Amino acid sequence: MIKKILILNIILILFVLTSCSKSKIENLSRITDSEKSITKITWQKVTYSTFGTGDIAVDGFLGKQIGIVGGDKNDKIFEVNGYDSHEWLIEYYDSGEMDTYDLWKADTVEDIPDKLEKYRLSN
């Protein structure tokens, strides 16, 4: 009887640990103003604007996936390694053709880190 209780407890602990380690993929929203040619992403009450593009993944900034945009499983959102995800995000659209990584900046961010400045889109 004690063996059964011990085994049941071990199974329960393993179940809890594995379910806690799985990260939740959130659904982010895209806002488009076609008159002004502006696209923004919103997540957890934070609004992000496109900042730049480039070899972000190759340079080691691609963090874990935290979401998708508009329910599209190919439109993936990642954390930026070393930076707060309430300030910076990476978007990657997995189309299989000429895929690029886009860097998104929270609209509240004013100080641009030197390491991210090189990805800035020219105006």
PDB file of N, CA and C in Angstrom:
ATOM      1  N   MET A   1       0.823  -1.196   0.000  1.00  0.00           N
ATOM      2  CA  MET A   1       0.000   0.000   0.000  1.00  0.00           C
ATOM      3  C   MET A   1       0.873   1.270   0.000  1.00  0.00           C
ATOM      4  N   ILE A   2       1.934   1.254   0.782  1.00  0.00           N
ATOM      5  CA  ILE A   2       2.830   2.415   0.851  1.00  0.00           C
ATOM      6  C   ILE A   2       3.534   2.606  -0.488  1.00  0.00           C
ATOM      7  N   LYS A   3       3.886   1.485  -1.145  1.00  0.00           N
ATOM      8  CA  LYS A   3       4.518   1.576  -2.461  1.00  0.00           C
ATOM      9  C   LYS A   3       3.599   2.246  -3.467  1.00  0.00           C
ATOM     10  N   LYS A   4       2.326   1.897  -3.447  1.00  0.00           N
ATOM     11  CA  LYS A   4       1.355   2.477  -4.371  1.00  0.00           C
ATOM     12  C   LYS A   4       1.212   3.981  -4.134  1.00  0.00           C
ATOM     13  N   ILE A   5       1.163   4.381  -2.887  1.00  0.00           N
ATOM     14  CA  ILE A   5       1.045   5.803  -2.553  1.00  0.00           C
ATOM     15  C   ILE A   5       2.301   6.548  -2.993  1.00  0.00           C
ATOM     16  N   LEU A   6       3.457   5.948  -2.765  1.00  0.00           N
ATOM     17  CA  LEU A   6       4.729   6.558  -3.171  1.00  0.00           C
ATOM     18  C   LEU A   6       4.792   6.717  -4.690  1.00  0.00           C
ATOM     19  N   ILE A   7       4.422   5.684  -5.428  1.00  0.00           N
ATOM     20  CA  ILE A   7       4.423   5.740  -6.894  1.00  0.00           C
ATOM     21  C   ILE A   7       3.425   6.782  -7.390  1.00  0.00           C
ATOM     22  N   LEU A   8       2.258   6.833  -6.783  1.00  0.00           N
ATOM     23  CA  LEU A   8       1.244   7.818  -7.163  1.00  0.00           C
ATOM     24  C   LEU A   8       1.750   9.241  -6.921  1.00  0.00           C
ATOM     25  N   ASN A   9       2.420   9.453  -5.804  1.00  0.00           N
ATOM     26  CA  ASN A   9       2.984  10.776  -5.502  1.00  0.00           C
ATOM     27  C   ASN A   9       4.065  11.164  -6.507  1.00  0.00           C
ATOM     28  N   ILE A  10       4.919  10.215  -6.879  1.00  0.00           N
ATOM     29  CA  ILE A  10       5.970  10.498  -7.864  1.00  0.00           C
ATOM     30  C   ILE A  10       5.353  10.866  -9.208  1.00  0.00           C
ATOM     31  N   ILE A  11       4.340  10.134  -9.627  1.00  0.00           N
ATOM     32  CA  ILE A  11       3.658  10.439 -10.896  1.00  0.00           C
ATOM     33  C   ILE A  11       3.022  11.824 -10.830  1.00  0.00           C
ATOM     34  N   LEU A  12       2.388  12.137  -9.724  1.00  0.00           N
ATOM     35  CA  LEU A  12       1.755  13.449  -9.556  1.00  0.00           C
ATOM     36  C   LEU A  12       2.789  14.571  -9.615  1.00  0.00           C
ATOM     37  N   ILE A  13       3.924  14.388  -8.954  1.00  0.00           N
ATOM     38  CA  ILE A  13       4.986  15.404  -8.968  1.00  0.00           C
ATOM     39  C   ILE A  13       5.533  15.586 -10.382  1.00  0.00           C
ATOM     40  N   LEU A  14       5.772  14.491 -11.090  1.00  0.00           N
ATOM     41  CA  LEU A  14       6.260  14.593 -12.468  1.00  0.00           C
ATOM     42  C   LEU A  14       5.260  15.311 -13.364  1.00  0.00           C
ATOM     43  N   PHE A  15       3.982  15.034 -13.190  1.00  0.00           N
ATOM     44  CA  PHE A  15       2.948  15.698 -13.981  1.00  0.00           C
ATOM     45  C   PHE A  15       2.951  17.198 -13.728  1.00  0.00           C
ATOM     46  N   VAL A  16       3.030  17.589 -12.474  1.00  0.00           N
ATOM     47  CA  VAL A  16       3.042  19.012 -12.123  1.00  0.00           C
ATOM     48  C   VAL A  16       4.279  19.690 -12.694  1.00  0.00           C
ATOM     49  N   LEU A  17       5.443  19.059 -12.569  1.00  0.00           N
ATOM     50  CA  LEU A  17       6.669  19.659 -13.078  1.00  0.00           C
ATOM     51  C   LEU A  17       6.662  19.811 -14.592  1.00  0.00           C
ATOM     52  N   THR A  18       6.167  18.822 -15.318  1.00  0.00           N
ATOM     53  CA  THR A  18       6.150  18.929 -16.778  1.00  0.00           C
ATOM     54  C   THR A  18       5.124  19.937 -17.253  1.00  0.00           C
ATOM     55  N   SER A  19       4.004  20.054 -16.586  1.00  0.00           N
ATOM     56  CA  SER A  19       3.000  21.025 -17.024  1.00  0.00           C
ATOM     57  C   SER A  19       3.432  22.448 -16.709  1.00  0.00           C
ATOM     58  N   CYS A  20       4.226  22.642 -15.668  1.00  0.00           N
ATOM     59  CA  CYS A  20       4.726  23.980 -15.332  1.00  0.00           C
ATOM     60  C   CYS A  20       5.812  24.430 -16.294  1.00  0.00           C
ATOM     61  N   SER A  21       6.569  23.499 -16.838  1.00  0.00           N
ATOM     62  CA  SER A  21       7.681  23.882 -17.694  1.00  0.00           C
ATOM     63  C   SER A  21       7.247  24.247 -19.110  1.00  0.00           C
ATOM     64  N   LYS A  22       6.045  23.878 -19.525  1.00  0.00           N
ATOM     65  CA  LYS A  22       5.567  24.215 -20.859  1.00  0.00           C
ATOM     66  C   LYS A  22       5.154  25.675 -20.881  1.00  0.00           C
ATOM     67  N   SER A  23       5.717  26.432 -21.801  1.00  0.00           N
ATOM     68  CA  SER A  23       5.378  27.847 -21.878  1.00  0.00           C
ATOM     69  C   SER A  23       4.142  28.030 -22.741  1.00  0.00           C
ATOM     70  N   LYS A  24       3.358  28.996 -22.365  1.00  0.00           N
ATOM     71  CA  LYS A  24       2.118  29.284 -23.062  1.00  0.00           C
ATOM     72  C   LYS A  24       2.417  30.183 -24.262  1.00  0.00           C
ATOM     73  N   ILE A  25       1.901  29.802 -25.417  1.00  0.00           N
ATOM     74  CA  ILE A  25       2.040  30.624 -26.615  1.00  0.00           C
ATOM     75  C   ILE A  25       0.827  31.553 -26.663  1.00  0.00           C
ATOM     76  N   GLU A  26       1.083  32.850 -26.577  1.00  0.00           N
ATOM     77  CA  GLU A  26      -0.007  33.831 -26.545  1.00  0.00           C
ATOM     78  C   GLU A  26      -0.338  34.334 -27.941  1.00  0.00           C
ATOM     79  N   ASN A  27      -1.560  34.815 -28.089  1.00  0.00           N
ATOM     80  CA  ASN A  27      -2.016  35.377 -29.357  1.00  0.00           C
ATOM     81  C   ASN A  27      -1.936  36.893 -29.275  1.00  0.00           C
ATOM     82  N   LEU A  28      -1.038  37.488 -30.067  1.00  0.00           N
ATOM     83  CA  LEU A  28      -0.880  38.935 -30.089  1.00  0.00           C
ATOM     84  C   LEU A  28      -1.750  39.518 -31.197  1.00  0.00           C
ATOM     85  N   SER A  29      -2.039  40.796 -31.102  1.00  0.00           N
ATOM     86  CA  SER A  29      -2.885  41.465 -32.094  1.00  0.00           C
ATOM     87  C   SER A  29      -2.067  42.383 -32.981  1.00  0.00           C
ATOM     88  N   ARG A  30      -2.472  42.454 -34.242  1.00  0.00           N
ATOM     89  CA  ARG A  30      -1.852  43.387 -35.183  1.00  0.00           C
ATOM     90  C   ARG A  30      -2.863  44.494 -35.472  1.00  0.00           C
ATOM     91  N   ILE A  31      -2.384  45.733 -35.406  1.00  0.00           N
ATOM     92  CA  ILE A  31      -3.214  46.899 -35.704  1.00  0.00           C
ATOM     93  C   ILE A  31      -2.649  47.532 -36.966  1.00  0.00           C
ATOM     94  N   THR A  32      -3.483  47.721 -37.968  1.00  0.00           N
ATOM     95  CA  THR A  32      -3.017  48.303 -39.224  1.00  0.00           C
ATOM     96  C   THR A  32      -3.827  49.545 -39.550  1.00  0.00           C
ATOM     97  N   ASP A  33      -3.119  50.638 -39.816  1.00  0.00           N
ATOM     98  CA  ASP A  33      -3.736  51.872 -40.301  1.00  0.00           C
ATOM     99  C   ASP A  33      -3.256  52.045 -41.737  1.00  0.00           C
ATOM    100  N   SER A  34      -4.064  51.571 -42.690  1.00  0.00           N
ATOM    101  CA  SER A  34      -3.626  51.571 -44.095  1.00  0.00           C
ATOM    102  C   SER A  34      -3.493  52.984 -44.661  1.00  0.00           C
ATOM    103  N   GLU A  35      -4.242  53.949 -44.150  1.00  0.00           N
ATOM    104  CA  GLU A  35      -4.112  55.334 -44.636  1.00  0.00           C
ATOM    105  C   GLU A  35      -2.718  55.890 -44.342  1.00  0.00           C
ATOM    106  N   LYS A  36      -2.190  55.571 -43.167  1.00  0.00           N
ATOM    107  CA  LYS A  36      -0.878  56.073 -42.759  1.00  0.00           C
ATOM    108  C   LYS A  36       0.230  55.057 -43.006  1.00  0.00           C
ATOM    109  N   SER A  37      -0.120  53.897 -43.537  1.00  0.00           N
ATOM    110  CA  SER A  37       0.849  52.801 -43.770  1.00  0.00           C
ATOM    111  C   SER A  37       1.592  52.437 -42.491  1.00  0.00           C
ATOM    112  N   ILE A  38       0.848  52.308 -41.409  1.00  0.00           N
ATOM    113  CA  ILE A  38       1.428  51.979 -40.110  1.00  0.00           C
ATOM    114  C   ILE A  38       0.865  50.648 -39.630  1.00  0.00           C
ATOM    115  N   THR A  39       1.767  49.794 -39.156  1.00  0.00           N
ATOM    116  CA  THR A  39       1.365  48.534 -38.549  1.00  0.00           C
ATOM    117  C   THR A  39       1.985  48.458 -37.164  1.00  0.00           C
ATOM    118  N   LYS A  40       1.183  48.032 -36.199  1.00  0.00           N
ATOM    119  CA  LYS A  40       1.663  47.883 -34.827  1.00  0.00           C
ATOM    120  C   LYS A  40       1.220  46.526 -34.300  1.00  0.00           C
ATOM    121  N   ILE A  41       1.899  46.067 -33.263  1.00  0.00           N
ATOM    122  CA  ILE A  41       1.532  44.838 -32.575  1.00  0.00           C
ATOM    123  C   ILE A  41       1.243  45.203 -31.124  1.00  0.00           C
ATOM    124  N   THR A  42       0.221  44.589 -30.547  1.00  0.00           N
ATOM    125  CA  THR A  42      -0.066  44.809 -29.134  1.00  0.00           C
ATOM    126  C   THR A  42       0.018  43.479 -28.387  1.00  0.00           C
ATOM    127  N   TRP A  43       0.576  43.559 -27.177  1.00  0.00           N
ATOM    128  CA  TRP A  43       0.693  42.397 -26.301  1.00  0.00           C
ATOM    129  C   TRP A  43       0.744  42.877 -24.858  1.00  0.00           C
ATOM    130  N   GLN A  44      -0.122  42.334 -24.042  1.00  0.00           N
ATOM    131  CA  GLN A  44      -0.188  42.672 -22.615  1.00  0.00           C
ATOM    132  C   GLN A  44      -0.196  44.184 -22.382  1.00  0.00           C
ATOM    133  N   LYS A  45      -1.070  44.859 -23.091  1.00  0.00           N
ATOM    134  CA  LYS A  45      -1.270  46.309 -22.971  1.00  0.00           C
ATOM    135  C   LYS A  45      -0.073  47.144 -23.420  1.00  0.00           C
ATOM    136  N   VAL A  46       0.860  46.535 -24.142  1.00  0.00           N
ATOM    137  CA  VAL A  46       2.014  47.254 -24.682  1.00  0.00           C
ATOM    138  C   VAL A  46       1.868  47.283 -26.192  1.00  0.00           C
ATOM    139  N   THR A  47       2.121  48.457 -26.788  1.00  0.00           N
ATOM    140  CA  THR A  47       2.062  48.610 -28.240  1.00  0.00           C
ATOM    141  C   THR A  47       3.480  48.715 -28.782  1.00  0.00           C
ATOM    142  N   TYR A  48       3.740  47.932 -29.828  1.00  0.00           N
ATOM    143  CA  TYR A  48       5.067  47.878 -30.442  1.00  0.00           C
ATOM    144  C   TYR A  48       4.996  48.370 -31.880  1.00  0.00           C
ATOM    145  N   SER A  49       6.057  49.048 -32.316  1.00  0.00           N
ATOM    146  CA  SER A  49       6.190  49.492 -33.702  1.00  0.00           C
ATOM    147  C   SER A  49       7.424  48.832 -34.300  1.00  0.00           C
ATOM    148  N   THR A  50       7.423  48.667 -35.609  1.00  0.00           N
ATOM    149  CA  THR A  50       8.578  48.096 -36.289  1.00  0.00           C
ATOM    150  C   THR A  50       9.787  48.992 -36.062  1.00  0.00           C
ATOM    151  N   PHE A  51      10.885  48.388 -35.646  1.00  0.00           N
ATOM    152  CA  PHE A  51      12.120  49.140 -35.450  1.00  0.00           C
ATOM    153  C   PHE A  51      13.125  48.817 -36.550  1.00  0.00           C
ATOM    154  N   GLY A  52      13.251  47.535 -36.876  1.00  0.00           N
ATOM    155  CA  GLY A  52      14.241  47.172 -37.870  1.00  0.00           C
ATOM    156  C   GLY A  52      14.166  45.718 -38.269  1.00  0.00           C
ATOM    157  N   THR A  53      15.165  45.317 -39.029  1.00  0.00           N
ATOM    158  CA  THR A  53      15.234  43.952 -39.527  1.00  0.00           C
ATOM    159  C   THR A  53      16.691  43.581 -39.721  1.00  0.00           C
ATOM    160  N   GLY A  54      16.966  42.305 -39.844  1.00  0.00           N
ATOM    161  CA  GLY A  54      18.347  41.890 -40.070  1.00  0.00           C
ATOM    162  C   GLY A  54      18.621  40.489 -39.578  1.00  0.00           C
ATOM    163  N   ASP A  55      19.889  40.190 -39.401  1.00  0.00           N
ATOM    164  CA  ASP A  55      20.328  38.865 -38.967  1.00  0.00           C
ATOM    165  C   ASP A  55      20.237  38.727 -37.449  1.00  0.00           C
ATOM    166  N   ILE A  56      19.090  39.030 -36.922  1.00  0.00           N
ATOM    167  CA  ILE A  56      18.882  39.039 -35.475  1.00  0.00           C
ATOM    168  C   ILE A  56      19.127  37.657 -34.878  1.00  0.00           C
ATOM    169  N   ALA A  57      18.630  36.608 -35.544  1.00  0.00           N
ATOM    170  CA  ALA A  57      18.797  35.243 -35.038  1.00  0.00           C
ATOM    171  C   ALA A  57      20.257  34.815 -35.108  1.00  0.00           C
ATOM    172  N   VAL A  58      20.917  35.141 -36.218  1.00  0.00           N
ATOM    173  CA  VAL A  58      22.322  34.778 -36.397  1.00  0.00           C
ATOM    174  C   VAL A  58      23.180  35.466 -35.334  1.00  0.00           C
ATOM    175  N   ASP A  59      22.812  36.684 -34.973  1.00  0.00           N
ATOM    176  CA  ASP A  59      23.573  37.450 -33.996  1.00  0.00           C
ATOM    177  C   ASP A  59      23.289  37.035 -32.552  1.00  0.00           C
ATOM    178  N   GLY A  60      22.426  36.034 -32.360  1.00  0.00           N
ATOM    179  CA  GLY A  60      22.185  35.486 -31.023  1.00  0.00           C
ATOM    180  C   GLY A  60      21.102  36.164 -30.212  1.00  0.00           C
ATOM    181  N   PHE A  61      20.303  37.004 -30.834  1.00  0.00           N
ATOM    182  CA  PHE A  61      19.260  37.706 -30.080  1.00  0.00           C
ATOM    183  C   PHE A  61      17.933  36.952 -30.010  1.00  0.00           C
ATOM    184  N   LEU A  62      17.763  35.919 -30.819  1.00  0.00           N
ATOM    185  CA  LEU A  62      16.490  35.201 -30.864  1.00  0.00           C
ATOM    186  C   LEU A  62      16.294  34.382 -29.596  1.00  0.00           C
ATOM    187  N   GLY A  63      15.284  34.769 -28.817  1.00  0.00           N
ATOM    188  CA  GLY A  63      14.958  34.063 -27.578  1.00  0.00           C
ATOM    189  C   GLY A  63      13.857  33.043 -27.798  1.00  0.00           C
ATOM    190  N   LYS A  64      13.169  32.687 -26.727  1.00  0.00           N
ATOM    191  CA  LYS A  64      12.115  31.675 -26.835  1.00  0.00           C
ATOM    192  C   LYS A  64      10.849  32.279 -27.440  1.00  0.00           C
ATOM    193  N   GLN A  65      10.097  31.418 -28.107  1.00  0.00           N
ATOM    194  CA  GLN A  65       8.848  31.877 -28.702  1.00  0.00           C
ATOM    195  C   GLN A  65       7.833  32.115 -27.599  1.00  0.00           C
ATOM    196  N   ILE A  66       7.173  33.273 -27.658  1.00  0.00           N
ATOM    197  CA  ILE A  66       6.171  33.604 -26.645  1.00  0.00           C
ATOM    198  C   ILE A  66       4.778  33.771 -27.232  1.00  0.00           C
ATOM    199  N   GLY A  67       4.690  33.831 -28.571  1.00  0.00           N
ATOM    200  CA  GLY A  67       3.363  34.024 -29.136  1.00  0.00           C
ATOM    201  C   GLY A  67       3.316  33.917 -30.642  1.00  0.00           C
ATOM    202  N   ILE A  68       2.095  34.122 -31.134  1.00  0.00           N
ATOM    203  CA  ILE A  68       1.822  34.216 -32.564  1.00  0.00           C
ATOM    204  C   ILE A  68       0.962  35.455 -32.775  1.00  0.00           C
ATOM    205  N   VAL A  69       0.882  35.911 -34.015  1.00  0.00           N
ATOM    206  CA  VAL A  69       0.108  37.119 -34.303  1.00  0.00           C
ATOM    207  C   VAL A  69      -1.170  36.730 -35.039  1.00  0.00           C
ATOM    208  N   GLY A  70      -2.282  37.201 -34.521  1.00  0.00           N
ATOM    209  CA  GLY A  70      -3.565  37.022 -35.190  1.00  0.00           C
ATOM    210  C   GLY A  70      -3.986  35.577 -35.408  1.00  0.00           C
ATOM    211  N   GLY A  71      -3.506  34.674 -34.564  1.00  0.00           N
ATOM    212  CA  GLY A  71      -3.867  33.271 -34.686  1.00  0.00           C
ATOM    213  C   GLY A  71      -3.133  32.521 -35.786  1.00  0.00           C
ATOM    214  N   ASP A  72      -2.212  33.174 -36.470  1.00  0.00           N
ATOM    215  CA  ASP A  72      -1.453  32.564 -37.568  1.00  0.00           C
ATOM    216  C   ASP A  72      -0.207  31.881 -36.993  1.00  0.00           C
ATOM    217  N   LYS A  73      -0.182  30.557 -37.006  1.00  0.00           N
ATOM    218  CA  LYS A  73       0.926  29.803 -36.414  1.00  0.00           C
ATOM    219  C   LYS A  73       2.251  30.032 -37.133  1.00  0.00           C
ATOM    220  N   ASN A  74       2.217  30.577 -38.341  1.00  0.00           N
ATOM    221  CA  ASN A  74       3.458  30.894 -39.065  1.00  0.00           C
ATOM    222  C   ASN A  74       4.025  32.253 -38.671  1.00  0.00           C
ATOM    223  N   ASP A  75       3.205  33.104 -38.073  1.00  0.00           N
ATOM    224  CA  ASP A  75       3.626  34.451 -37.676  1.00  0.00           C
ATOM    225  C   ASP A  75       4.039  34.407 -36.203  1.00  0.00           C
ATOM    226  N   LYS A  76       5.311  34.155 -35.966  1.00  0.00           N
ATOM    227  CA  LYS A  76       5.817  33.848 -34.629  1.00  0.00           C
ATOM    228  C   LYS A  76       6.471  35.055 -33.964  1.00  0.00           C
ATOM    229  N   ILE A  77       6.257  35.160 -32.649  1.00  0.00           N
ATOM    230  CA  ILE A  77       6.848  36.228 -31.848  1.00  0.00           C
ATOM    231  C   ILE A  77       7.789  35.608 -30.824  1.00  0.00           C
ATOM    232  N   PHE A  78       8.998  36.194 -30.730  1.00  0.00           N
ATOM    233  CA  PHE A  78      10.027  35.696 -29.826  1.00  0.00           C
ATOM    234  C   PHE A  78      10.507  36.804 -28.903  1.00  0.00           C
ATOM    235  N   GLU A  79      11.057  36.388 -27.772  1.00  0.00           N
ATOM    236  CA  GLU A  79      11.752  37.327 -26.898  1.00  0.00           C
ATOM    237  C   GLU A  79      13.074  37.715 -27.564  1.00  0.00           C
ATOM    238  N   VAL A  80      13.622  38.839 -27.148  1.00  0.00           N
ATOM    239  CA  VAL A  80      14.951  39.253 -27.584  1.00  0.00           C
ATOM    240  C   VAL A  80      15.894  38.939 -26.431  1.00  0.00           C
ATOM    241  N   ASN A  81      16.831  38.013 -26.651  1.00  0.00           N
ATOM    242  CA  ASN A  81      17.764  37.619 -25.586  1.00  0.00           C
ATOM    243  C   ASN A  81      18.479  38.830 -25.010  1.00  0.00           C
ATOM    244  N   GLY A  82      18.422  38.946 -23.682  1.00  0.00           N
ATOM    245  CA  GLY A  82      19.120  40.027 -22.986  1.00  0.00           C
ATOM    246  C   GLY A  82      18.312  41.299 -22.825  1.00  0.00           C
ATOM    247  N   TYR A  83      17.055  41.304 -23.314  1.00  0.00           N
ATOM    248  CA  TYR A  83      16.237  42.525 -23.242  1.00  0.00           C
ATOM    249  C   TYR A  83      14.832  42.193 -22.744  1.00  0.00           C
ATOM    250  N   ASP A  84      14.210  43.159 -22.132  1.00  0.00           N
ATOM    251  CA  ASP A  84      12.862  43.008 -21.577  1.00  0.00           C
ATOM    252  C   ASP A  84      11.847  42.856 -22.712  1.00  0.00           C
ATOM    253  N   SER A  85      11.018  41.820 -22.626  1.00  0.00           N
ATOM    254  CA  SER A  85      10.025  41.589 -23.686  1.00  0.00           C
ATOM    255  C   SER A  85       8.889  42.607 -23.652  1.00  0.00           C
ATOM    256  N   HIS A  86       8.824  43.415 -22.626  1.00  0.00           N
ATOM    257  CA  HIS A  86       7.854  44.516 -22.629  1.00  0.00           C
ATOM    258  C   HIS A  86       8.445  45.759 -23.297  1.00  0.00           C
ATOM    259  N   GLU A  87       9.666  45.601 -23.834  1.00  0.00           N
ATOM    260  CA  GLU A  87      10.305  46.683 -24.583  1.00  0.00           C
ATOM    261  C   GLU A  87      10.684  46.258 -25.993  1.00  0.00           C
ATOM    262  N   TRP A  88      11.086  44.991 -26.174  1.00  0.00           N
ATOM    263  CA  TRP A  88      11.571  44.512 -27.465  1.00  0.00           C
ATOM    264  C   TRP A  88      11.011  43.126 -27.789  1.00  0.00           C
ATOM    265  N   LEU A  89      10.635  42.912 -29.051  1.00  0.00           N
ATOM    266  CA  LEU A  89      10.179  41.608 -29.536  1.00  0.00           C
ATOM    267  C   LEU A  89      10.781  41.349 -30.919  1.00  0.00           C
ATOM    268  N   ILE A  90      10.831  40.079 -31.290  1.00  0.00           N
ATOM    269  CA  ILE A  90      11.236  39.687 -32.637  1.00  0.00           C
ATOM    270  C   ILE A  90      10.063  38.967 -33.283  1.00  0.00           C
ATOM    271  N   GLU A  91       9.762  39.351 -34.523  1.00  0.00           N
ATOM    272  CA  GLU A  91       8.714  38.676 -35.289  1.00  0.00           C
ATOM    273  C   GLU A  91       9.368  37.920 -36.442  1.00  0.00           C
ATOM    274  N   TYR A  92       8.895  36.711 -36.667  1.00  0.00           N
ATOM    275  CA  TYR A  92       9.410  35.885 -37.761  1.00  0.00           C
ATOM    276  C   TYR A  92       8.216  35.235 -38.445  1.00  0.00           C
ATOM    277  N   TYR A  93       8.057  35.493 -39.734  1.00  0.00           N
ATOM    278  CA  TYR A  93       6.982  34.844 -40.487  1.00  0.00           C
ATOM    279  C   TYR A  93       7.587  33.679 -41.265  1.00  0.00           C
ATOM    280  N   ASP A  94       7.174  32.484 -40.912  1.00  0.00           N
ATOM    281  CA  ASP A  94       7.714  31.255 -41.495  1.00  0.00           C
ATOM    282  C   ASP A  94       6.941  30.892 -42.759  1.00  0.00           C
ATOM    283  N   SER A  95       7.359  31.470 -43.893  1.00  0.00           N
ATOM    284  CA  SER A  95       6.684  31.209 -45.169  1.00  0.00           C
ATOM    285  C   SER A  95       7.448  30.184 -45.997  1.00  0.00           C
ATOM    286  N   GLY A  96       8.715  29.977 -45.653  1.00  0.00           N
ATOM    287  CA  GLY A  96       9.553  29.066 -46.413  1.00  0.00           C
ATOM    288  C   GLY A  96      10.288  29.748 -47.551  1.00  0.00           C
ATOM    289  N   GLU A  97      10.004  31.025 -47.767  1.00  0.00           N
ATOM    290  CA  GLU A  97      10.658  31.778 -48.845  1.00  0.00           C
ATOM    291  C   GLU A  97      11.131  33.126 -48.311  1.00  0.00           C
ATOM    292  N   MET A  98      12.417  33.367 -48.390  1.00  0.00           N
ATOM    293  CA  MET A  98      12.994  34.659 -48.016  1.00  0.00           C
ATOM    294  C   MET A  98      12.466  35.174 -46.667  1.00  0.00           C
ATOM    295  N   ASP A  99      12.454  34.310 -45.679  1.00  0.00           N
ATOM    296  CA  ASP A  99      11.962  34.691 -44.362  1.00  0.00           C
ATOM    297  C   ASP A  99      12.936  35.654 -43.688  1.00  0.00           C
ATOM    298  N   THR A 100      12.391  36.647 -42.998  1.00  0.00           N
ATOM    299  CA  THR A 100      13.231  37.623 -42.300  1.00  0.00           C
ATOM    300  C   THR A 100      12.768  37.762 -40.855  1.00  0.00           C
ATOM    301  N   TYR A 101      13.655  38.287 -40.048  1.00  0.00           N
ATOM    302  CA  TYR A 101      13.358  38.577 -38.652  1.00  0.00           C
ATOM    303  C   TYR A 101      13.179  40.078 -38.519  1.00  0.00           C
ATOM    304  N   ASP A 102      12.070  40.478 -37.924  1.00  0.00           N
ATOM    305  CA  ASP A 102      11.803  41.897 -37.700  1.00  0.00           C
ATOM    306  C   ASP A 102      11.893  42.196 -36.215  1.00  0.00           C
ATOM    307  N   LEU A 103      12.512  43.306 -35.899  1.00  0.00           N
ATOM    308  CA  LEU A 103      12.667  43.749 -34.527  1.00  0.00           C
ATOM    309  C   LEU A 103      11.601  44.799 -34.239  1.00  0.00           C
ATOM    310  N   TRP A 104      10.850  44.593 -33.157  1.00  0.00           N
ATOM    311  CA  TRP A 104       9.773  45.499 -32.765  1.00  0.00           C
ATOM    312  C   TRP A 104      10.136  46.158 -31.441  1.00  0.00           C
ATOM    313  N   LYS A 105       9.883  47.461 -31.350  1.00  0.00           N
ATOM    314  CA  LYS A 105      10.195  48.259 -30.161  1.00  0.00           C
ATOM    315  C   LYS A 105       8.901  48.755 -29.542  1.00  0.00           C
ATOM    316  N   ALA A 106       8.792  48.639 -28.231  1.00  0.00           N
ATOM    317  CA  ALA A 106       7.636  49.212 -27.541  1.00  0.00           C
ATOM    318  C   ALA A 106       7.632  50.723 -27.764  1.00  0.00           C
ATOM    319  N   ASP A 107       6.455  51.278 -27.964  1.00  0.00           N
ATOM    320  CA  ASP A 107       6.353  52.712 -28.243  1.00  0.00           C
ATOM    321  C   ASP A 107       6.856  53.578 -27.090  1.00  0.00           C
ATOM    322  N   THR A 108       6.963  53.003 -25.907  1.00  0.00           N
ATOM    323  CA  THR A 108       7.432  53.764 -24.739  1.00  0.00           C
ATOM    324  C   THR A 108       8.950  53.828 -24.638  1.00  0.00           C
ATOM    325  N   VAL A 109       9.654  53.029 -25.423  1.00  0.00           N
ATOM    326  CA  VAL A 109      11.125  52.980 -25.362  1.00  0.00           C
ATOM    327  C   VAL A 109      11.718  54.189 -26.077  1.00  0.00           C
ATOM    328  N   GLU A 110      12.595  54.901 -25.371  1.00  0.00           N
ATOM    329  CA  GLU A 110      13.253  56.061 -25.964  1.00  0.00           C
ATOM    330  C   GLU A 110      14.753  55.831 -26.150  1.00  0.00           C
ATOM    331  N   ASP A 111      15.368  55.091 -25.229  1.00  0.00           N
ATOM    332  CA  ASP A 111      16.804  54.824 -25.304  1.00  0.00           C
ATOM    333  C   ASP A 111      17.027  53.514 -26.053  1.00  0.00           C
ATOM    334  N   ILE A 112      17.723  53.620 -27.168  1.00  0.00           N
ATOM    335  CA  ILE A 112      17.981  52.446 -28.000  1.00  0.00           C
ATOM    336  C   ILE A 112      19.351  51.876 -27.630  1.00  0.00           C
ATOM    337  N   PRO A 113      19.407  50.603 -27.219  1.00  0.00           N
ATOM    338  CA  PRO A 113      20.706  49.991 -26.913  1.00  0.00           C
ATOM    339  C   PRO A 113      21.604  49.953 -28.149  1.00  0.00           C
ATOM    340  N   ASP A 114      22.886  50.183 -27.949  1.00  0.00           N
ATOM    341  CA  ASP A 114      23.841  50.196 -29.058  1.00  0.00           C
ATOM    342  C   ASP A 114      23.800  48.901 -29.865  1.00  0.00           C
ATOM    343  N   LYS A 115      23.638  47.763 -29.190  1.00  0.00           N
ATOM    344  CA  LYS A 115      23.649  46.476 -29.878  1.00  0.00           C
ATOM    345  C   LYS A 115      22.444  46.290 -30.804  1.00  0.00           C
ATOM    346  N   LEU A 116      21.367  47.016 -30.554  1.00  0.00           N
ATOM    347  CA  LEU A 116      20.167  46.899 -31.389  1.00  0.00           C
ATOM    348  C   LEU A 116      20.075  48.004 -32.435  1.00  0.00           C
ATOM    349  N   GLU A 117      20.838  49.052 -32.247  1.00  0.00           N
ATOM    350  CA  GLU A 117      20.798  50.209 -33.158  1.00  0.00           C
ATOM    351  C   GLU A 117      21.095  49.817 -34.603  1.00  0.00           C
ATOM    352  N   LYS A 118      21.955  48.853 -34.820  1.00  0.00           N
ATOM    353  CA  LYS A 118      22.345  48.484 -36.180  1.00  0.00           C
ATOM    354  C   LYS A 118      21.201  47.879 -37.004  1.00  0.00           C
ATOM    355  N   TYR A 119      20.124  47.468 -36.338  1.00  0.00           N
ATOM    356  CA  TYR A 119      18.983  46.893 -37.053  1.00  0.00           C
ATOM    357  C   TYR A 119      17.951  47.930 -37.476  1.00  0.00           C
ATOM    358  N   ARG A 120      18.137  49.175 -37.033  1.00  0.00           N
ATOM    359  CA  ARG A 120      17.154  50.238 -37.292  1.00  0.00           C
ATOM    360  C   ARG A 120      16.899  50.395 -38.784  1.00  0.00           C
ATOM    361  N   LEU A 121      15.616  50.492 -39.145  1.00  0.00           N
ATOM    362  CA  LEU A 121      15.254  50.804 -40.532  1.00  0.00           C
ATOM    363  C   LEU A 121      15.569  52.267 -40.781  1.00  0.00           C
ATOM    364  N   SER A 122      16.106  52.576 -41.920  1.00  0.00           N
ATOM    365  CA  SER A 122      16.380  53.981 -42.243  1.00  0.00           C
ATOM    366  C   SER A 122      15.065  54.663 -42.612  1.00  0.00           C
ATOM    367  N   ASN A 123      14.932  55.900 -42.206  1.00  0.00           N
ATOM    368  CA  ASN A 123      13.678  56.629 -42.466  1.00  0.00           C
ATOM    369  C   ASN A 123      13.657  57.239 -43.827  1.00  0.00           C
TER     370      ASN A 123
END
